[in-house]
N, C-alpha and C. Protein backbone atom coordinates (compact mmCIF):
# COMPACT_ATOMS: atom_id res chain seq x y z
N MET A 1 -60.43 -11.46 -62.30
CA MET A 1 -60.50 -10.01 -62.25
C MET A 1 -60.15 -9.52 -60.85
N ARG A 2 -59.58 -8.35 -60.81
CA ARG A 2 -59.23 -7.75 -59.52
C ARG A 2 -60.29 -6.74 -59.12
N ARG A 3 -60.29 -6.40 -57.82
CA ARG A 3 -61.24 -5.41 -57.31
C ARG A 3 -61.11 -4.06 -57.99
N ASP A 4 -59.90 -3.70 -58.42
CA ASP A 4 -59.70 -2.39 -59.02
C ASP A 4 -59.93 -2.37 -60.53
N ASP A 5 -60.41 -3.49 -61.09
CA ASP A 5 -60.77 -3.48 -62.50
C ASP A 5 -61.95 -2.53 -62.69
N PRO A 6 -62.06 -1.90 -63.86
CA PRO A 6 -63.19 -1.00 -64.11
C PRO A 6 -64.52 -1.72 -63.93
N GLU A 7 -65.49 -0.99 -63.44
CA GLU A 7 -66.84 -1.51 -63.21
C GLU A 7 -67.40 -2.19 -64.46
N VAL A 8 -67.17 -1.60 -65.63
CA VAL A 8 -67.73 -2.15 -66.87
C VAL A 8 -67.21 -3.57 -67.14
N LEU A 9 -66.00 -3.88 -66.69
CA LEU A 9 -65.47 -5.24 -66.89
C LEU A 9 -66.09 -6.23 -65.92
N ARG A 10 -66.64 -5.72 -64.81
CA ARG A 10 -67.26 -6.60 -63.82
C ARG A 10 -68.77 -6.72 -63.99
N ARG A 11 -69.41 -5.66 -64.49
CA ARG A 11 -70.87 -5.65 -64.55
C ARG A 11 -71.45 -5.40 -65.93
N GLY A 12 -70.65 -4.89 -66.85
CA GLY A 12 -71.14 -4.57 -68.18
C GLY A 12 -71.52 -3.11 -68.31
N GLY A 13 -71.79 -2.69 -69.52
CA GLY A 13 -72.18 -1.32 -69.82
C GLY A 13 -71.64 -0.92 -71.18
N LEU A 14 -71.69 0.38 -71.46
CA LEU A 14 -71.23 0.85 -72.76
C LEU A 14 -69.72 0.94 -72.82
N VAL A 15 -69.18 0.47 -73.93
CA VAL A 15 -67.76 0.54 -74.22
C VAL A 15 -67.63 0.94 -75.69
N ASP A 16 -66.43 1.21 -76.11
CA ASP A 16 -66.13 1.35 -77.52
C ASP A 16 -65.22 0.19 -77.89
N ILE A 17 -65.32 -0.25 -79.13
CA ILE A 17 -64.36 -1.23 -79.64
C ILE A 17 -63.80 -0.70 -80.96
N THR A 18 -62.56 -1.03 -81.21
CA THR A 18 -61.96 -0.73 -82.50
C THR A 18 -61.59 -2.04 -83.16
N THR A 19 -62.19 -2.27 -84.31
CA THR A 19 -61.89 -3.44 -85.12
C THR A 19 -61.05 -3.00 -86.31
N THR A 20 -60.58 -3.97 -87.07
CA THR A 20 -59.84 -3.68 -88.30
C THR A 20 -60.78 -3.94 -89.47
N GLY A 21 -60.97 -2.94 -90.31
CA GLY A 21 -61.85 -3.09 -91.47
C GLY A 21 -61.40 -4.25 -92.34
N ARG A 22 -62.31 -5.14 -92.65
CA ARG A 22 -61.95 -6.36 -93.39
C ARG A 22 -61.53 -6.05 -94.82
N ARG A 23 -62.02 -4.98 -95.40
CA ARG A 23 -61.64 -4.61 -96.78
C ARG A 23 -60.53 -3.57 -96.81
N THR A 24 -60.63 -2.59 -95.91
CA THR A 24 -59.69 -1.46 -95.96
C THR A 24 -58.45 -1.65 -95.10
N GLY A 25 -58.59 -2.49 -94.04
CA GLY A 25 -57.50 -2.62 -93.09
C GLY A 25 -57.40 -1.44 -92.15
N GLU A 26 -58.33 -0.50 -92.27
CA GLU A 26 -58.33 0.70 -91.43
C GLU A 26 -59.06 0.43 -90.11
N PRO A 27 -58.70 1.14 -89.04
CA PRO A 27 -59.40 0.97 -87.77
C PRO A 27 -60.83 1.49 -87.86
N ARG A 28 -61.75 0.76 -87.24
CA ARG A 28 -63.17 1.13 -87.20
C ARG A 28 -63.62 1.10 -85.74
N ARG A 29 -64.02 2.25 -85.21
CA ARG A 29 -64.41 2.35 -83.80
C ARG A 29 -65.91 2.58 -83.69
N ILE A 30 -66.55 1.81 -82.79
CA ILE A 30 -67.99 1.96 -82.54
C ILE A 30 -68.27 1.86 -81.05
N GLU A 31 -69.39 2.44 -80.65
CA GLU A 31 -69.91 2.29 -79.29
C GLU A 31 -70.80 1.05 -79.28
N ILE A 32 -70.70 0.27 -78.18
CA ILE A 32 -71.44 -0.99 -78.13
C ILE A 32 -71.62 -1.40 -76.67
N ALA A 33 -72.58 -2.27 -76.42
CA ALA A 33 -72.86 -2.73 -75.06
C ALA A 33 -72.07 -4.01 -74.74
N LEU A 34 -71.44 -4.00 -73.58
CA LEU A 34 -70.73 -5.16 -73.06
C LEU A 34 -71.59 -5.78 -71.96
N HIS A 35 -71.78 -7.08 -72.02
CA HIS A 35 -72.56 -7.81 -71.01
C HIS A 35 -71.63 -8.74 -70.26
N VAL A 36 -71.76 -8.80 -68.96
CA VAL A 36 -71.01 -9.76 -68.16
C VAL A 36 -72.02 -10.78 -67.64
N ILE A 37 -71.84 -12.01 -68.08
CA ILE A 37 -72.77 -13.09 -67.76
C ILE A 37 -71.96 -14.24 -67.19
N ARG A 38 -72.24 -14.55 -65.93
CA ARG A 38 -71.53 -15.62 -65.21
C ARG A 38 -70.01 -15.46 -65.32
N GLY A 39 -69.54 -14.22 -65.18
CA GLY A 39 -68.12 -13.94 -65.16
C GLY A 39 -67.46 -13.87 -66.53
N ARG A 40 -68.24 -14.05 -67.58
CA ARG A 40 -67.70 -13.96 -68.95
C ARG A 40 -68.26 -12.71 -69.61
N ARG A 41 -67.49 -12.16 -70.55
CA ARG A 41 -67.88 -10.92 -71.21
C ARG A 41 -68.35 -11.20 -72.64
N PHE A 42 -69.49 -10.57 -72.99
CA PHE A 42 -70.08 -10.76 -74.31
C PHE A 42 -70.48 -9.41 -74.90
N ILE A 43 -70.45 -9.33 -76.21
CA ILE A 43 -70.99 -8.19 -76.93
C ILE A 43 -72.06 -8.74 -77.87
N SER A 44 -73.21 -8.07 -77.86
CA SER A 44 -74.31 -8.46 -78.72
C SER A 44 -74.90 -7.21 -79.35
N GLY A 45 -75.94 -7.42 -80.09
CA GLY A 45 -76.67 -6.32 -80.70
C GLY A 45 -78.10 -6.75 -80.93
N THR A 46 -78.92 -5.80 -81.34
CA THR A 46 -80.31 -6.11 -81.62
C THR A 46 -80.40 -6.96 -82.88
N PRO A 47 -81.46 -7.75 -83.01
CA PRO A 47 -81.60 -8.63 -84.18
C PRO A 47 -81.66 -7.83 -85.48
N ALA A 48 -80.98 -8.33 -86.48
CA ALA A 48 -81.03 -7.74 -87.82
C ALA A 48 -80.74 -8.86 -88.82
N PRO A 49 -81.45 -8.90 -89.93
CA PRO A 49 -81.24 -9.98 -90.88
C PRO A 49 -79.89 -9.91 -91.61
N ARG A 50 -79.27 -8.75 -91.64
CA ARG A 50 -77.98 -8.65 -92.34
C ARG A 50 -76.82 -8.65 -91.34
N ARG A 51 -75.68 -9.08 -91.79
CA ARG A 51 -74.47 -9.16 -90.97
C ARG A 51 -73.97 -7.76 -90.64
N ARG A 52 -73.66 -7.52 -89.39
CA ARG A 52 -73.12 -6.23 -88.96
C ARG A 52 -71.67 -6.10 -89.41
N SER A 53 -71.29 -4.88 -89.77
CA SER A 53 -69.91 -4.64 -90.22
C SER A 53 -68.91 -5.01 -89.16
N TRP A 54 -69.20 -4.65 -87.88
CA TRP A 54 -68.23 -4.92 -86.83
C TRP A 54 -68.03 -6.43 -86.65
N LEU A 55 -69.09 -7.20 -86.83
CA LEU A 55 -68.99 -8.65 -86.69
C LEU A 55 -68.22 -9.24 -87.88
N ALA A 56 -68.49 -8.76 -89.07
CA ALA A 56 -67.75 -9.23 -90.24
C ALA A 56 -66.27 -8.88 -90.11
N ASN A 57 -65.97 -7.70 -89.56
CA ASN A 57 -64.57 -7.33 -89.33
C ASN A 57 -63.91 -8.31 -88.36
N LEU A 58 -64.62 -8.67 -87.30
CA LEU A 58 -64.06 -9.58 -86.29
C LEU A 58 -63.94 -11.01 -86.83
N GLU A 59 -64.79 -11.39 -87.75
CA GLU A 59 -64.64 -12.71 -88.37
C GLU A 59 -63.36 -12.76 -89.19
N ALA A 60 -63.04 -11.65 -89.86
CA ALA A 60 -61.83 -11.59 -90.68
C ALA A 60 -60.58 -11.43 -89.82
N GLU A 61 -60.67 -10.66 -88.74
CA GLU A 61 -59.55 -10.41 -87.83
C GLU A 61 -60.11 -10.32 -86.42
N PRO A 62 -59.98 -11.40 -85.63
CA PRO A 62 -60.61 -11.44 -84.31
C PRO A 62 -59.97 -10.53 -83.25
N ARG A 63 -58.76 -10.05 -83.50
CA ARG A 63 -58.15 -9.16 -82.52
C ARG A 63 -58.78 -7.77 -82.64
N PHE A 64 -59.05 -7.15 -81.48
CA PHE A 64 -59.61 -5.81 -81.46
C PHE A 64 -59.18 -5.12 -80.18
N THR A 65 -59.55 -3.85 -80.06
CA THR A 65 -59.24 -3.07 -78.85
C THR A 65 -60.54 -2.72 -78.16
N LEU A 66 -60.58 -2.99 -76.86
CA LEU A 66 -61.71 -2.62 -76.02
C LEU A 66 -61.33 -1.34 -75.29
N HIS A 67 -62.10 -0.28 -75.51
CA HIS A 67 -61.82 1.03 -74.91
C HIS A 67 -62.74 1.19 -73.69
N VAL A 68 -62.13 1.35 -72.52
CA VAL A 68 -62.87 1.48 -71.27
C VAL A 68 -63.14 2.96 -71.03
N ARG A 69 -64.38 3.37 -71.14
CA ARG A 69 -64.76 4.78 -71.02
C ARG A 69 -64.53 5.34 -69.62
N GLU A 70 -64.82 4.55 -68.60
CA GLU A 70 -64.71 5.09 -67.24
C GLU A 70 -63.26 5.32 -66.82
N HIS A 71 -62.33 4.78 -67.57
CA HIS A 71 -60.91 5.01 -67.35
C HIS A 71 -60.36 5.57 -68.65
N SER A 72 -60.48 6.87 -68.83
CA SER A 72 -60.07 7.51 -70.07
C SER A 72 -58.65 7.10 -70.45
N GLY A 73 -58.51 6.69 -71.66
CA GLY A 73 -57.20 6.30 -72.16
C GLY A 73 -56.83 4.85 -71.91
N VAL A 74 -57.72 4.07 -71.29
CA VAL A 74 -57.42 2.66 -71.07
C VAL A 74 -57.96 1.85 -72.25
N ASP A 75 -57.04 1.27 -72.98
CA ASP A 75 -57.37 0.47 -74.15
C ASP A 75 -56.83 -0.93 -73.92
N LEU A 76 -57.72 -1.92 -73.96
CA LEU A 76 -57.34 -3.29 -73.65
C LEU A 76 -57.33 -4.15 -74.91
N PRO A 77 -56.24 -4.86 -75.15
CA PRO A 77 -56.23 -5.78 -76.28
C PRO A 77 -57.13 -6.98 -75.98
N ALA A 78 -57.91 -7.36 -76.98
CA ALA A 78 -58.86 -8.45 -76.79
C ALA A 78 -58.97 -9.25 -78.09
N ARG A 79 -59.64 -10.37 -77.96
CA ARG A 79 -59.89 -11.26 -79.10
C ARG A 79 -61.38 -11.64 -79.04
N ALA A 80 -61.99 -11.70 -80.21
CA ALA A 80 -63.40 -12.08 -80.31
C ALA A 80 -63.52 -13.57 -80.58
N ARG A 81 -64.41 -14.20 -79.86
CA ARG A 81 -64.82 -15.57 -80.17
C ARG A 81 -66.26 -15.49 -80.62
N ILE A 82 -66.49 -15.73 -81.90
CA ILE A 82 -67.85 -15.68 -82.44
C ILE A 82 -68.66 -16.81 -81.81
N VAL A 83 -69.81 -16.46 -81.26
CA VAL A 83 -70.68 -17.48 -80.65
C VAL A 83 -71.72 -17.87 -81.69
N ASP A 84 -71.56 -19.07 -82.24
CA ASP A 84 -72.50 -19.52 -83.26
C ASP A 84 -73.24 -20.81 -82.90
N ASP A 85 -72.86 -21.43 -81.79
CA ASP A 85 -73.58 -22.61 -81.32
C ASP A 85 -74.95 -22.18 -80.80
N GLU A 86 -76.00 -22.76 -81.35
CA GLU A 86 -77.36 -22.33 -81.03
C GLU A 86 -77.68 -22.44 -79.54
N ALA A 87 -77.31 -23.51 -78.90
CA ALA A 87 -77.60 -23.68 -77.47
C ALA A 87 -76.88 -22.62 -76.64
N GLU A 88 -75.62 -22.36 -76.96
CA GLU A 88 -74.88 -21.32 -76.23
C GLU A 88 -75.48 -19.94 -76.51
N ARG A 89 -75.84 -19.69 -77.75
CA ARG A 89 -76.45 -18.39 -78.10
C ARG A 89 -77.73 -18.19 -77.28
N ARG A 90 -78.56 -19.22 -77.21
CA ARG A 90 -79.82 -19.11 -76.47
C ARG A 90 -79.56 -18.83 -74.99
N GLU A 91 -78.60 -19.52 -74.42
CA GLU A 91 -78.27 -19.34 -73.01
C GLU A 91 -77.80 -17.90 -72.73
N VAL A 92 -76.88 -17.41 -73.54
CA VAL A 92 -76.35 -16.06 -73.34
C VAL A 92 -77.39 -15.00 -73.67
N LEU A 93 -78.04 -15.16 -74.81
CA LEU A 93 -78.99 -14.14 -75.25
C LEU A 93 -80.23 -14.08 -74.36
N ARG A 94 -80.54 -15.14 -73.65
CA ARG A 94 -81.63 -15.10 -72.66
C ARG A 94 -81.32 -14.03 -71.61
N GLU A 95 -80.07 -13.98 -71.18
CA GLU A 95 -79.65 -12.97 -70.19
C GLU A 95 -79.63 -11.57 -70.80
N VAL A 96 -79.17 -11.46 -72.04
CA VAL A 96 -79.16 -10.17 -72.73
C VAL A 96 -80.59 -9.66 -72.90
N ALA A 97 -81.49 -10.54 -73.33
CA ALA A 97 -82.89 -10.15 -73.51
C ALA A 97 -83.49 -9.67 -72.20
N ARG A 98 -83.17 -10.35 -71.13
CA ARG A 98 -83.67 -9.95 -69.81
C ARG A 98 -83.15 -8.55 -69.46
N ALA A 99 -81.87 -8.31 -69.69
CA ALA A 99 -81.27 -7.00 -69.38
C ALA A 99 -81.89 -5.89 -70.22
N TRP A 100 -82.25 -6.20 -71.46
CA TRP A 100 -82.82 -5.19 -72.37
C TRP A 100 -84.35 -5.19 -72.37
N ASN A 101 -84.96 -5.98 -71.48
CA ASN A 101 -86.43 -6.07 -71.39
C ASN A 101 -87.06 -6.44 -72.74
N ARG A 102 -86.46 -7.42 -73.39
CA ARG A 102 -86.97 -7.89 -74.69
C ARG A 102 -87.70 -9.21 -74.49
N ASP A 103 -88.68 -9.45 -75.34
CA ASP A 103 -89.43 -10.70 -75.25
C ASP A 103 -89.36 -11.50 -76.56
N ASP A 104 -88.31 -11.25 -77.35
CA ASP A 104 -88.18 -11.93 -78.65
C ASP A 104 -86.90 -12.78 -78.69
N LEU A 105 -86.74 -13.63 -77.71
CA LEU A 105 -85.53 -14.43 -77.59
C LEU A 105 -85.24 -15.22 -78.86
N GLU A 106 -86.22 -15.87 -79.43
CA GLU A 106 -85.97 -16.69 -80.62
C GLU A 106 -85.48 -15.84 -81.79
N GLU A 107 -86.02 -14.65 -81.94
CA GLU A 107 -85.54 -13.73 -82.99
C GLU A 107 -84.09 -13.32 -82.71
N MET A 108 -83.78 -13.09 -81.45
CA MET A 108 -82.41 -12.74 -81.07
C MET A 108 -81.46 -13.90 -81.37
N VAL A 109 -81.87 -15.12 -81.04
CA VAL A 109 -81.02 -16.30 -81.30
C VAL A 109 -80.76 -16.43 -82.80
N ARG A 110 -81.76 -16.15 -83.62
CA ARG A 110 -81.60 -16.27 -85.09
C ARG A 110 -80.77 -15.13 -85.69
N HIS A 111 -80.93 -13.89 -85.17
CA HIS A 111 -80.41 -12.74 -85.91
C HIS A 111 -79.54 -11.75 -85.13
N SER A 112 -79.27 -11.97 -83.87
CA SER A 112 -78.43 -11.02 -83.13
C SER A 112 -76.96 -11.40 -83.24
N PRO A 113 -76.10 -10.41 -83.48
CA PRO A 113 -74.67 -10.70 -83.44
C PRO A 113 -74.28 -11.04 -82.00
N LEU A 114 -73.31 -11.94 -81.84
CA LEU A 114 -72.88 -12.30 -80.49
C LEU A 114 -71.44 -12.79 -80.52
N ILE A 115 -70.62 -12.14 -79.70
CA ILE A 115 -69.23 -12.58 -79.53
C ILE A 115 -68.93 -12.66 -78.04
N GLU A 116 -67.99 -13.52 -77.71
CA GLU A 116 -67.40 -13.50 -76.38
C GLU A 116 -66.12 -12.69 -76.48
N VAL A 117 -65.92 -11.80 -75.53
CA VAL A 117 -64.71 -10.98 -75.46
C VAL A 117 -63.70 -11.70 -74.59
N VAL A 118 -62.57 -12.01 -75.18
CA VAL A 118 -61.50 -12.67 -74.45
C VAL A 118 -60.35 -11.67 -74.33
N LEU A 119 -60.13 -11.17 -73.11
CA LEU A 119 -59.05 -10.21 -72.90
C LEU A 119 -57.71 -10.93 -73.02
N GLU A 120 -56.77 -10.25 -73.62
CA GLU A 120 -55.42 -10.81 -73.74
C GLU A 120 -54.81 -10.93 -72.34
N PRO A 121 -53.90 -11.87 -72.12
CA PRO A 121 -53.30 -12.05 -70.79
C PRO A 121 -52.76 -10.73 -70.23
N GLY A 122 -53.11 -10.48 -68.97
CA GLY A 122 -52.66 -9.27 -68.29
C GLY A 122 -53.51 -8.05 -68.56
N ALA A 123 -54.46 -8.13 -69.49
CA ALA A 123 -55.25 -6.96 -69.87
C ALA A 123 -56.31 -6.59 -68.85
N ALA A 124 -56.76 -7.54 -68.02
CA ALA A 124 -57.87 -7.25 -67.09
C ALA A 124 -57.40 -6.43 -65.90
N ALA A 125 -56.14 -6.43 -65.59
CA ALA A 125 -55.67 -5.69 -64.41
C ALA A 125 -55.35 -4.26 -64.80
N ILE A 126 -56.05 -3.33 -64.17
CA ILE A 126 -55.82 -1.92 -64.42
C ILE A 126 -55.56 -1.26 -63.09
N GLY A 127 -54.53 -0.48 -63.04
CA GLY A 127 -54.28 0.16 -61.75
C GLY A 127 -53.14 1.11 -61.80
């Protein structure tokens, strides 16, 4: 990452993502939290027993658009890597739980959606 990359790409915060609807093929845009943990970017959510639509969309089509709010009009092509390895989930979600002041790590490991955001080559440089 470069110094002039948006703050959200370096530290995390609210972003929007647009996925492709797995049934309709239509774009689906939502607001979501981006976490930067040890230089890698992750998107998670609160624990829920049912699969989130955005996660199901990314399972069907991992390419999506990351919309950077602090730079209006900056849309970055990205790819989702679903994080399903339990040890990796625990490691990442421990940091997410700390950031959200949560004390239910095991519930998060079992039921929180979690993806790693992989920016397409050249997408991290904005200027």
